[in-house]
Amino acid sequence: MSENCTHDCSSCGENCPSRQQPQSFLEKTNDLSHVKKVIGVVSGKGGVGKSLVTSLLATTLRRRENQVAVLDADITGPSIPKCFGMKQRALSDENGIYPVETKTGIKVMSINLLLEEETSPVVWRGPVIAGAIKQFWTDVIWGNVDYMFVDMPPGTGDAPLTVFQSLPVDGILIVTSPQELVGMIVSKAVEMAKMMNVPVLGLVENMSYVTCPDCGREIHVFGESHIDEVAAKYALPVLGKLPMEPKLAAACDRGAIELFEGGWLDGAADLIKSLPQREL
């Protein structure tokens, strides 16, 4: 394989071994795990609310009586346990590692559930981070799961590449914000997904607007949104626009995201529910 390989054989003229004998890098789950659908939640940059969207989607699907799990692949910046108010550590035995369940029964695995102190930094190089992500998939006893959401680290580096290559991802949601920069950021995420043959289900815009408490008018703090233009460019649906809602921020801070009220991501949940069943 060339050192400049893009993983896109359709645009490559090299006659490398990978092309002659395509190799799958997919890892198998623990024998006690049966995960039906895997959805990645992606952002091209940090700080746009990817973990918030992951938590809201997991809660929404759980409210619909589904078995839901969250794999926190953001090893150096894990936020999922904080959103759900999880303080206990994950346990293990000879069979594997057991995920920790939230108050409503969402199964979660995150590096913060394995550390002695949740504030301890994870100062690891790329290969070690990639190995941890794989172990969350192979060594954790997930049981029966209808929908697993993978909270991906931002960008297009080693960790997202590991998720795309090692997990059978059924599709990804790209989380954005309203700034003009969003066009370039979304483009990078879409192009990476295309290279890895992973379907992009649609876009979700966070911090889209603020609702005036007096008149109810939507105020666009960051200027007019460009998400519809970007979505049209790539023929993708806009699956939700989240407001800057103080109650949501407060719910995350106190670990009570499962109590949120609002149907902003119902469209995204409907689309995920409609995905064809993958054979286990």
C-alpha atoms as a PDB file:
ATOM      1  CA  MET A   1       0.000   0.000   0.000  1.00  0.00           C
ATOM      2  CA  SER A   2       1.338   3.442  -0.914  1.00  0.00           C
ATOM      3  CA  GLU A   3       2.142   5.818   1.954  1.00  0.00           C
ATOM      4  CA  ASN A   4      -0.142   8.307   0.200  1.00  0.00           C
ATOM      5  CA  CYS A   5      -3.065   5.878   0.063  1.00  0.00           C
ATOM      6  CA  THR A   6      -6.483   7.552   0.314  1.00  0.00           C
ATOM      7  CA  HIS A   7      -8.352   4.252   0.859  1.00  0.00           C
ATOM      8  CA  ASP A   8     -10.396   5.065  -2.255  1.00  0.00           C
ATOM      9  CA  CYS A   9      -9.546   2.403  -4.833  1.00  0.00           C
ATOM     10  CA  SER A  10     -11.941   3.891  -7.396  1.00  0.00           C
ATOM     11  CA  SER A  11      -9.636   6.880  -7.942  1.00  0.00           C
ATOM     12  CA  CYS A  12      -6.331   5.038  -7.621  1.00  0.00           C
ATOM     13  CA  GLY A  13      -4.132   3.512 -10.315  1.00  0.00           C
ATOM     14  CA  GLU A  14      -1.792   1.614  -8.005  1.00  0.00           C
ATOM     15  CA  ASN A  15      -1.752  -2.174  -8.221  1.00  0.00           C
ATOM     16  CA  CYS A  16      -1.132  -2.744  -4.534  1.00  0.00           C
ATOM     17  CA  PRO A  17      -1.950  -5.949  -2.573  1.00  0.00           C
ATOM     18  CA  SER A  18      -4.858  -4.209  -0.851  1.00  0.00           C
ATOM     19  CA  ARG A  19      -6.481  -3.684  -4.229  1.00  0.00           C
ATOM     20  CA  GLN A  20      -5.924  -7.266  -5.369  1.00  0.00           C
ATOM     21  CA  GLN A  21      -7.096  -8.799  -2.112  1.00  0.00           C
ATOM     22  CA  PRO A  22      -9.245  -6.267  -0.246  1.00  0.00           C
ATOM     23  CA  GLN A  23      -8.850  -6.741   3.482  1.00  0.00           C
ATOM     24  CA  SER A  24     -11.518  -6.030   6.036  1.00  0.00           C
ATOM     25  CA  PHE A  25     -10.336  -4.375   9.248  1.00  0.00           C
ATOM     26  CA  LEU A  26     -13.681  -4.868  11.000  1.00  0.00           C
ATOM     27  CA  GLU A  27     -13.334  -6.168  14.533  1.00  0.00           C
ATOM     28  CA  LYS A  28     -15.723  -8.681  16.081  1.00  0.00           C
ATOM     29  CA  THR A  29     -17.694  -7.864  19.180  1.00  0.00           C
ATOM     30  CA  ASN A  30     -17.589  -9.856  22.369  1.00  0.00           C
ATOM     31  CA  ASP A  31     -19.487 -13.158  21.992  1.00  0.00           C
ATOM     32  CA  LEU A  32     -22.033 -11.847  24.499  1.00  0.00           C
ATOM     33  CA  SER A  33     -22.721  -8.705  22.451  1.00  0.00           C
ATOM     34  CA  HIS A  34     -25.303  -8.300  19.677  1.00  0.00           C
ATOM     35  CA  VAL A  35     -25.371  -4.761  18.265  1.00  0.00           C
ATOM     36  CA  LYS A  36     -27.879  -4.226  15.463  1.00  0.00           C
ATOM     37  CA  LYS A  37     -27.058  -0.683  14.279  1.00  0.00           C
ATOM     38  CA  VAL A  38     -24.052   1.558  14.818  1.00  0.00           C
ATOM     39  CA  ILE A  39     -24.409   5.320  14.293  1.00  0.00           C
ATOM     40  CA  GLY A  40     -21.414   7.639  14.449  1.00  0.00           C
ATOM     41  CA  VAL A  41     -21.825  11.237  15.613  1.00  0.00           C
ATOM     42  CA  VAL A  42     -19.107  13.316  13.976  1.00  0.00           C
ATOM     43  CA  SER A  43     -17.869  16.890  13.949  1.00  0.00           C
ATOM     44  CA  GLY A  44     -15.112  18.472  11.919  1.00  0.00           C
ATOM     45  CA  LYS A  45     -14.002  20.584  14.893  1.00  0.00           C
ATOM     46  CA  GLY A  46     -14.388  20.551  18.649  1.00  0.00           C
ATOM     47  CA  GLY A  47     -16.856  22.523  20.705  1.00  0.00           C
ATOM     48  CA  VAL A  48     -19.901  22.270  18.446  1.00  0.00           C
ATOM     49  CA  GLY A  49     -21.989  20.004  20.709  1.00  0.00           C
ATOM     50  CA  LYS A  50     -21.290  16.535  19.381  1.00  0.00           C
ATOM     51  CA  SER A  51     -21.606  14.888  22.791  1.00  0.00           C
ATOM     52  CA  LEU A  52     -24.827  16.800  23.448  1.00  0.00           C
ATOM     53  CA  VAL A  53     -26.342  15.519  20.198  1.00  0.00           C
ATOM     54  CA  THR A  54     -25.174  11.982  21.005  1.00  0.00           C
ATOM     55  CA  SER A  55     -26.788  12.145  24.445  1.00  0.00           C
ATOM     56  CA  LEU A  56     -30.047  13.585  23.120  1.00  0.00           C
ATOM     57  CA  LEU A  57     -30.331  10.966  20.371  1.00  0.00           C
ATOM     58  CA  ALA A  58     -29.570   8.119  22.770  1.00  0.00           C
ATOM     59  CA  THR A  59     -32.212   9.407  25.172  1.00  0.00           C
ATOM     60  CA  THR A  60     -34.770   9.882  22.377  1.00  0.00           C
ATOM     61  CA  LEU A  61     -34.341   6.319  21.083  1.00  0.00           C
ATOM     62  CA  ARG A  62     -34.419   4.945  24.630  1.00  0.00           C
ATOM     63  CA  ARG A  63     -37.728   6.729  25.243  1.00  0.00           C
ATOM     64  CA  ARG A  64     -39.067   4.803  22.259  1.00  0.00           C
ATOM     65  CA  GLU A  65     -38.473   1.536  24.132  1.00  0.00           C
ATOM     66  CA  ASN A  66     -35.258   0.587  22.304  1.00  0.00           C
ATOM     67  CA  GLN A  67     -32.123  -0.946  23.793  1.00  0.00           C
ATOM     68  CA  VAL A  68     -29.545   1.821  23.396  1.00  0.00           C
ATOM     69  CA  ALA A  69     -25.800   2.108  24.008  1.00  0.00           C
ATOM     70  CA  VAL A  70     -23.192   4.860  23.748  1.00  0.00           C
ATOM     71  CA  LEU A  71     -19.548   4.126  22.963  1.00  0.00           C
ATOM     72  CA  ASP A  72     -17.535   7.218  23.898  1.00  0.00           C
ATOM     73  CA  ALA A  73     -14.688   7.153  21.362  1.00  0.00           C
ATOM     74  CA  ASP A  74     -13.473  10.616  22.357  1.00  0.00           C
ATOM     75  CA  ILE A  75     -10.725   9.163  24.534  1.00  0.00           C
ATOM     76  CA  THR A  76      -8.910  12.407  25.364  1.00  0.00           C
ATOM     77  CA  GLY A  77     -12.057  14.502  25.819  1.00  0.00           C
ATOM     78  CA  PRO A  78     -14.803  12.236  27.200  1.00  0.00           C
ATOM     79  CA  SER A  79     -18.030  14.107  27.953  1.00  0.00           C
ATOM     80  CA  ILE A  80     -20.707  11.411  27.922  1.00  0.00           C
ATOM     81  CA  PRO A  81     -20.451  10.331  31.611  1.00  0.00           C
ATOM     82  CA  LYS A  82     -20.821  13.969  32.685  1.00  0.00           C
ATOM     83  CA  CYS A  83     -23.973  14.430  30.574  1.00  0.00           C
ATOM     84  CA  PHE A  84     -25.586  11.392  32.177  1.00  0.00           C
ATOM     85  CA  GLY A  85     -24.323  12.028  35.705  1.00  0.00           C
ATOM     86  CA  MET A  86     -22.303   8.807  35.880  1.00  0.00           C
ATOM     87  CA  LYS A  87     -19.866   8.494  38.767  1.00  0.00           C
ATOM     88  CA  GLN A  88     -19.412   4.724  39.183  1.00  0.00           C
ATOM     89  CA  ARG A  89     -16.574   2.812  37.559  1.00  0.00           C
ATOM     90  CA  ALA A  90     -17.028   0.022  35.010  1.00  0.00           C
ATOM     91  CA  LEU A  91     -16.414  -3.511  36.284  1.00  0.00           C
ATOM     92  CA  SER A  92     -14.892  -6.520  34.543  1.00  0.00           C
ATOM     93  CA  ASP A  93     -14.414 -10.252  34.943  1.00  0.00           C
ATOM     94  CA  GLU A  94     -13.033 -13.101  32.856  1.00  0.00           C
ATOM     95  CA  ASN A  95     -15.783 -12.551  30.271  1.00  0.00           C
ATOM     96  CA  GLY A  96     -14.977  -8.912  29.576  1.00  0.00           C
ATOM     97  CA  ILE A  97     -15.828  -5.372  30.646  1.00  0.00           C
ATOM     98  CA  TYR A  98     -19.364  -4.422  31.660  1.00  0.00           C
ATOM     99  CA  PRO A  99     -20.774  -1.072  30.544  1.00  0.00           C
ATOM    100  CA  VAL A 100     -22.320   1.235  33.115  1.00  0.00           C
ATOM    101  CA  GLU A 101     -26.039   1.934  32.731  1.00  0.00           C
ATOM    102  CA  THR A 102     -27.664   5.346  33.049  1.00  0.00           C
ATOM    103  CA  LYS A 103     -30.791   5.955  35.108  1.00  0.00           C
ATOM    104  CA  THR A 104     -33.030   5.009  32.153  1.00  0.00           C
ATOM    105  CA  GLY A 105     -30.970   1.993  31.085  1.00  0.00           C
ATOM    106  CA  ILE A 106     -28.666   3.379  28.377  1.00  0.00           C
ATOM    107  CA  LYS A 107     -25.429   1.358  28.354  1.00  0.00           C
ATOM    108  CA  VAL A 108     -22.293   3.504  28.320  1.00  0.00           C
ATOM    109  CA  MET A 109     -18.583   2.840  27.997  1.00  0.00           C
ATOM    110  CA  SER A 110     -16.126   5.712  28.314  1.00  0.00           C
ATOM    111  CA  ILE A 111     -12.514   6.030  29.395  1.00  0.00           C
ATOM    112  CA  ASN A 112     -13.721   8.153  32.318  1.00  0.00           C
ATOM    113  CA  LEU A 113     -15.539   5.106  33.679  1.00  0.00           C
ATOM    114  CA  LEU A 114     -12.181   3.324  33.953  1.00  0.00           C
ATOM    115  CA  LEU A 115     -10.038   6.068  35.502  1.00  0.00           C
ATOM    116  CA  GLU A 116      -9.433   6.480  39.221  1.00  0.00           C
ATOM    117  CA  GLU A 117     -10.177  10.208  38.906  1.00  0.00           C
ATOM    118  CA  GLU A 118     -12.433  11.623  36.185  1.00  0.00           C
ATOM    119  CA  THR A 119     -10.189  14.688  35.913  1.00  0.00           C
ATOM    120  CA  SER A 120      -7.067  12.614  35.174  1.00  0.00           C
ATOM    121  CA  PRO A 121      -5.768  13.466  31.678  1.00  0.00           C
ATOM    122  CA  VAL A 122      -5.335  10.727  29.099  1.00  0.00           C
ATOM    123  CA  VAL A 123      -1.937  11.483  27.576  1.00  0.00           C
ATOM    124  CA  TRP A 124      -1.683   8.754  24.955  1.00  0.00           C
ATOM    125  CA  ARG A 125      -0.346   8.549  21.441  1.00  0.00           C
ATOM    126  CA  GLY A 126      -2.563   7.678  18.485  1.00  0.00           C
ATOM    127  CA  PRO A 127      -1.970   3.887  18.373  1.00  0.00           C
ATOM    128  CA  VAL A 128      -2.812   3.509  22.073  1.00  0.00           C
ATOM    129  CA  ILE A 129      -6.005   5.566  21.636  1.00  0.00           C
ATOM    130  CA  ALA A 130      -6.935   3.423  18.624  1.00  0.00           C
ATOM    131  CA  GLY A 131      -6.384   0.285  20.695  1.00  0.00           C
ATOM    132  CA  ALA A 132      -8.675   1.567  23.450  1.00  0.00           C
ATOM    133  CA  ILE A 133     -11.450   2.312  20.955  1.00  0.00           C
ATOM    134  CA  LYS A 134     -11.172  -1.197  19.513  1.00  0.00           C
ATOM    135  CA  GLN A 135     -11.318  -2.694  23.004  1.00  0.00           C
ATOM    136  CA  PHE A 136     -14.492  -0.760  23.769  1.00  0.00           C
ATOM    137  CA  TRP A 137     -16.009  -2.617  20.810  1.00  0.00           C
ATOM    138  CA  THR A 138     -14.419  -6.068  21.254  1.00  0.00           C
ATOM    139  CA  ASP A 139     -14.033  -6.482  25.016  1.00  0.00           C
ATOM    140  CA  VAL A 140     -17.134  -4.787  26.386  1.00  0.00           C
ATOM    141  CA  ILE A 141     -20.149  -7.012  27.057  1.00  0.00           C
ATOM    142  CA  TRP A 142     -22.823  -4.862  25.436  1.00  0.00           C
ATOM    143  CA  GLY A 143     -25.542  -7.527  25.437  1.00  0.00           C
ATOM    144  CA  ASN A 144     -28.472  -6.934  23.073  1.00  0.00           C
ATOM    145  CA  VAL A 145     -28.387  -3.432  21.615  1.00  0.00           C
ATOM    146  CA  ASP A 146     -30.756  -2.004  19.003  1.00  0.00           C
ATOM    147  CA  TYR A 147     -28.850   1.255  18.483  1.00  0.00           C
ATOM    148  CA  MET A 148     -25.301   2.094  19.447  1.00  0.00           C
ATOM    149  CA  PHE A 149     -24.201   5.719  19.147  1.00  0.00           C
ATOM    150  CA  VAL A 150     -20.470   6.362  18.848  1.00  0.00           C
ATOM    151  CA  ASP A 151     -19.413   9.776  20.135  1.00  0.00           C
ATOM    152  CA  MET A 152     -16.456  10.396  17.842  1.00  0.00           C
ATOM    153  CA  PRO A 153     -13.493  12.689  18.513  1.00  0.00           C
ATOM    154  CA  PRO A 154     -13.422  15.789  16.299  1.00  0.00           C
ATOM    155  CA  GLY A 155     -11.445  15.959  13.082  1.00  0.00           C
ATOM    156  CA  THR A 156     -10.283  13.327  10.605  1.00  0.00           C
ATOM    157  CA  GLY A 157      -7.313  11.779  12.397  1.00  0.00           C
ATOM    158  CA  ASP A 158      -6.373   8.381  13.827  1.00  0.00           C
ATOM    159  CA  ALA A 159      -9.322   7.920  16.177  1.00  0.00           C
ATOM    160  CA  PRO A 160     -12.147   8.576  13.656  1.00  0.00           C
ATOM    161  CA  LEU A 161     -10.275   6.425  11.132  1.00  0.00           C
ATOM    162  CA  THR A 162     -10.150   3.599  13.685  1.00  0.00           C
ATOM    163  CA  VAL A 163     -13.923   3.802  14.229  1.00  0.00           C
ATOM    164  CA  PHE A 164     -14.664   3.777  10.488  1.00  0.00           C
ATOM    165  CA  GLN A 165     -12.356   0.826   9.835  1.00  0.00           C
ATOM    166  CA  SER A 166     -12.979  -1.284  12.943  1.00  0.00           C
ATOM    167  CA  LEU A 167     -16.717  -0.874  13.611  1.00  0.00           C
ATOM    168  CA  PRO A 168     -19.565  -1.733  11.212  1.00  0.00           C
ATOM    169  CA  VAL A 169     -20.848   1.854  11.063  1.00  0.00           C
ATOM    170  CA  ASP A 170     -24.290   2.042   9.433  1.00  0.00           C
ATOM    171  CA  GLY A 171     -24.138   5.812   8.996  1.00  0.00           C
ATOM    172  CA  ILE A 172     -22.949   9.058  10.531  1.00  0.00           C
ATOM    173  CA  LEU A 173     -24.534  12.322  11.594  1.00  0.00           C
ATOM    174  CA  ILE A 174     -22.424  15.453  11.193  1.00  0.00           C
ATOM    175  CA  VAL A 175     -22.858  18.100  13.902  1.00  0.00           C
ATOM    176  CA  THR A 176     -22.179  21.701  12.888  1.00  0.00           C
ATOM    177  CA  SER A 177     -22.624  25.279  14.078  1.00  0.00           C
ATOM    178  CA  PRO A 178     -23.980  28.290  12.137  1.00  0.00           C
ATOM    179  CA  GLN A 179     -20.708  30.103  11.339  1.00  0.00           C
ATOM    180  CA  GLU A 180     -19.452  30.479   7.753  1.00  0.00           C
ATOM    181  CA  LEU A 181     -16.594  28.140   8.636  1.00  0.00           C
ATOM    182  CA  VAL A 182     -19.115  25.303   8.669  1.00  0.00           C
ATOM    183  CA  GLY A 183     -18.894  24.766   4.901  1.00  0.00           C
ATOM    184  CA  MET A 184     -15.246  23.740   5.004  1.00  0.00           C
ATOM    185  CA  ILE A 185     -15.661  21.693   8.187  1.00  0.00           C
ATOM    186  CA  VAL A 186     -18.622  19.727   6.829  1.00  0.00           C
ATOM    187  CA  SER A 187     -16.818  19.178   3.543  1.00  0.00           C
ATOM    188  CA  LYS A 188     -13.909  17.487   5.304  1.00  0.00           C
ATOM    189  CA  ALA A 189     -16.218  15.180   7.267  1.00  0.00           C
ATOM    190  CA  VAL A 190     -18.284  14.294   4.190  1.00  0.00           C
ATOM    191  CA  GLU A 191     -15.207  13.568   2.091  1.00  0.00           C
ATOM    192  CA  MET A 192     -13.706  11.347   4.793  1.00  0.00           C
ATOM    193  CA  ALA A 193     -16.948   9.377   5.075  1.00  0.00           C
ATOM    194  CA  LYS A 194     -17.013   8.983   1.299  1.00  0.00           C
ATOM    195  CA  MET A 195     -13.430   7.687   1.277  1.00  0.00           C
ATOM    196  CA  MET A 196     -14.323   5.138   3.966  1.00  0.00           C
ATOM    197  CA  ASN A 197     -17.613   4.136   2.247  1.00  0.00           C
ATOM    198  CA  VAL A 198     -19.685   5.200   5.255  1.00  0.00           C
ATOM    199  CA  PRO A 199     -23.113   6.741   4.525  1.00  0.00           C
ATOM    200  CA  VAL A 200     -23.762  10.284   5.763  1.00  0.00           C
ATOM    201  CA  LEU A 201     -27.313  10.349   7.127  1.00  0.00           C
ATOM    202  CA  GLY A 202     -27.576  14.124   7.453  1.00  0.00           C
ATOM    203  CA  LEU A 203     -26.573  17.257   9.309  1.00  0.00           C
ATOM    204  CA  VAL A 204     -27.536  18.594  12.728  1.00  0.00           C
ATOM    205  CA  GLU A 205     -26.925  22.244  13.571  1.00  0.00           C
ATOM    206  CA  ASN A 206     -26.257  23.131  17.198  1.00  0.00           C
ATOM    207  CA  MET A 207     -26.412  26.673  18.661  1.00  0.00           C
ATOM    208  CA  SER A 208     -28.669  27.545  15.756  1.00  0.00           C
ATOM    209  CA  TYR A 209     -30.633  30.310  17.491  1.00  0.00           C
ATOM    210  CA  VAL A 210     -31.845  31.739  20.779  1.00  0.00           C
ATOM    211  CA  THR A 211     -35.550  32.100  21.487  1.00  0.00           C
ATOM    212  CA  CYS A 212     -36.445  35.504  22.935  1.00  0.00           C
ATOM    213  CA  PRO A 213     -38.149  34.890  26.308  1.00  0.00           C
ATOM    214  CA  ASP A 214     -40.446  37.894  25.800  1.00  0.00           C
ATOM    215  CA  CYS A 215     -41.673  37.694  22.190  1.00  0.00           C
ATOM    216  CA  GLY A 216     -40.637  34.173  21.165  1.00  0.00           C
ATOM    217  CA  ARG A 217     -38.662  35.425  18.151  1.00  0.00           C
ATOM    218  CA  GLU A 218     -35.661  33.387  17.024  1.00  0.00           C
ATOM    219  CA  ILE A 219     -32.433  35.375  17.325  1.00  0.00           C
ATOM    220  CA  HIS A 220     -29.455  34.158  15.269  1.00  0.00           C
ATOM    221  CA  VAL A 221     -26.563  34.994  17.573  1.00  0.00           C
ATOM    222  CA  PHE A 222     -23.882  33.762  15.177  1.00  0.00           C
ATOM    223  CA  GLY A 223     -25.511  35.260  12.097  1.00  0.00           C
ATOM    224  CA  GLU A 224     -27.723  33.591   9.545  1.00  0.00           C
ATOM    225  CA  SER A 225     -27.283  29.842   9.232  1.00  0.00           C
ATOM    226  CA  HIS A 226     -25.562  28.363   6.183  1.00  0.00           C
ATOM    227  CA  ILE A 227     -26.437  24.764   6.924  1.00  0.00           C
ATOM    228  CA  ASP A 228     -29.207  24.536   4.329  1.00  0.00           C
ATOM    229  CA  GLU A 229     -26.824  25.673   1.580  1.00  0.00           C
ATOM    230  CA  VAL A 230     -24.168  23.178   2.651  1.00  0.00           C
ATOM    231  CA  ALA A 231     -26.732  20.379   2.925  1.00  0.00           C
ATOM    232  CA  ALA A 232     -28.029  21.149  -0.579  1.00  0.00           C
ATOM    233  CA  LYS A 233     -24.482  21.056  -1.968  1.00  0.00           C
ATOM    234  CA  TYR A 234     -24.070  17.464  -0.799  1.00  0.00           C
ATOM    235  CA  ALA A 235     -27.730  16.446  -1.244  1.00  0.00           C
ATOM    236  CA  LEU A 236     -28.050  15.777   2.494  1.00  0.00           C
ATOM    237  CA  PRO A 237     -31.032  16.397   4.772  1.00  0.00           C
ATOM    238  CA  VAL A 238     -30.912  18.779   7.720  1.00  0.00           C
ATOM    239  CA  LEU A 239     -32.117  16.543  10.544  1.00  0.00           C
ATOM    240  CA  GLY A 240     -32.376  19.102  13.299  1.00  0.00           C
ATOM    241  CA  LYS A 241     -31.525  22.592  14.514  1.00  0.00           C
ATOM    242  CA  LEU A 242     -30.804  22.859  18.223  1.00  0.00           C
ATOM    243  CA  PRO A 243     -31.295  26.203  19.974  1.00  0.00           C
ATOM    244  CA  MET A 244     -28.923  27.720  22.497  1.00  0.00           C
ATOM    245  CA  GLU A 245     -31.074  26.578  25.396  1.00  0.00           C
ATOM    246  CA  PRO A 246     -29.870  27.320  28.951  1.00  0.00           C
ATOM    247  CA  LYS A 247     -31.951  24.438  30.302  1.00  0.00           C
ATOM    248  CA  LEU A 248     -30.060  21.964  28.085  1.00  0.00           C
ATOM    249  CA  ALA A 249     -26.704  23.279  29.274  1.00  0.00           C
ATOM    250  CA  ALA A 250     -27.859  23.081  32.873  1.00  0.00           C
ATOM    251  CA  ALA A 251     -29.112  19.511  32.369  1.00  0.00           C
ATOM    252  CA  CYS A 252     -25.690  18.459  31.052  1.00  0.00           C
ATOM    253  CA  ASP A 253     -23.891  20.176  33.912  1.00  0.00           C
ATOM    254  CA  ARG A 254     -25.904  18.354  36.543  1.00  0.00           C
ATOM    255  CA  GLY A 255     -25.916  15.016  34.683  1.00  0.00           C
ATOM    256  CA  ALA A 256     -29.637  15.065  33.955  1.00  0.00           C
ATOM    257  CA  ILE A 257     -29.744  15.071  30.155  1.00  0.00           C
ATOM    258  CA  GLU A 258     -32.295  12.216  30.250  1.00  0.00           C
ATOM    259  CA  LEU A 259     -34.857  14.680  31.629  1.00  0.00           C
ATOM    260  CA  PHE A 260     -34.692  17.056  28.646  1.00  0.00           C
ATOM    261  CA  GLU A 261     -37.878  18.238  26.972  1.00  0.00           C
ATOM    262  CA  GLY A 262     -37.958  19.032  23.256  1.00  0.00           C
ATOM    263  CA  GLY A 263     -38.404  17.322  19.917  1.00  0.00           C
ATOM    264  CA  TRP A 264     -35.511  18.917  18.025  1.00  0.00           C
ATOM    265  CA  LEU A 265     -33.997  15.569  17.005  1.00  0.00           C
ATOM    266  CA  ASP A 266     -37.170  13.579  16.374  1.00  0.00           C
ATOM    267  CA  GLY A 267     -36.472  13.719  12.615  1.00  0.00           C
ATOM    268  CA  ALA A 268     -33.001  12.270  13.111  1.00  0.00           C
ATOM    269  CA  ALA A 269     -34.416   9.528  15.347  1.00  0.00           C
ATOM    270  CA  ASP A 270     -37.067   8.679  12.739  1.00  0.00           C
ATOM    271  CA  LEU A 271     -34.419   8.335  10.033  1.00  0.00           C
ATOM    272  CA  ILE A 272     -32.237   6.117  12.199  1.00  0.00           C
ATOM    273  CA  LYS A 273     -35.244   3.922  12.975  1.00  0.00           C
ATOM    274  CA  SER A 274     -35.925   3.539   9.239  1.00  0.00           C
ATOM    275  CA  LEU A 275     -32.429   2.247   8.379  1.00  0.00           C
ATOM    276  CA  PRO A 276     -32.425  -1.277   6.948  1.00  0.00           C
ATOM    277  CA  GLN A 277     -31.539  -4.041   9.360  1.00  0.00           C
ATOM    278  CA  ARG A 278     -27.932  -5.217   9.173  1.00  0.00           C
ATOM    279  CA  GLU A 279     -27.348  -8.948   9.522  1.00  0.00           C
ATOM    280  CA  LEU A 280     -25.398  -9.851  12.634  1.00  0.00           C
END
